[in-house]
Structures are given as C-alpha cells and as structure tokens.
Amino acid sequence: MPDDDHPASAEPTESQSQQQAAVTTAPTGHDPYAAWRNRNYVLFISGFFVSVIAAQMQAVAARYEVFQKTGSELSLGWTGLALAVPMLLLTLPAVILPIPRAADAS
C-alpha cells in the first residue's frame, strides 16, 4: 500500500508508465546515419580521407628528404614554409573577397 506522506514510494499506474515511456523515447524523424547509406557520400568521404592521409605522407616525405640530403634544421624549416605558403596565399584572399549575392527580388 502506498504511503501518502511519501508519494515516491507509490507505484505508478499503467497510464503513468505509458506516459513516461512515450516521453523518454527518441523522436523517429531524424536519422543521424542516413548520409552513410548514400553511396555517393560514402565515396566522397572515403576519397577525402585518402586525400588527407596522402597529403600528410607527402609533407613528411618532403621534409624527410630535405633533412636527409642537407642535415640542416634550417632547410627543414624552409621546406615547411614552402609547403605552407600556397595555402596562405590562396585562403587569405578568399576570406577577404566579398561573396557575390543575388539582387533582392523585392
């Protein structure tokens, strides 16, 4: 028998249990893994992943070759700078340039 002074000791009724179950279940409208079932998306992400790994391997190989041939840490630093300069030269103007917008249709 439930204690009136301590309502937490009372067992929930059937309708209360069903209401709690309805509240705690996740909505079914959103599937966070839906993109992974799209073949084109999987190919794109796989290609991107391989590209990033290859770029990292190329950077390490270039630095290793320069250091192996020269033995100079300064040459190694110049190699790192030479690999970073194209990225800086191409990304900074992209941030500064305005994005063209369509004319207002009002």
Foldseek 3Di string as FASTA:
>chain_A
DDDPVDNVRDDDDPVVVVVVVVVPDDDPPDDPCPQVVDPVSVVVVVVVVVVVVVVVVVLVVVLVVQCVVPVDVVSSVVSVVVVCVVVVVPVVVVVVDDDDDDDDPD
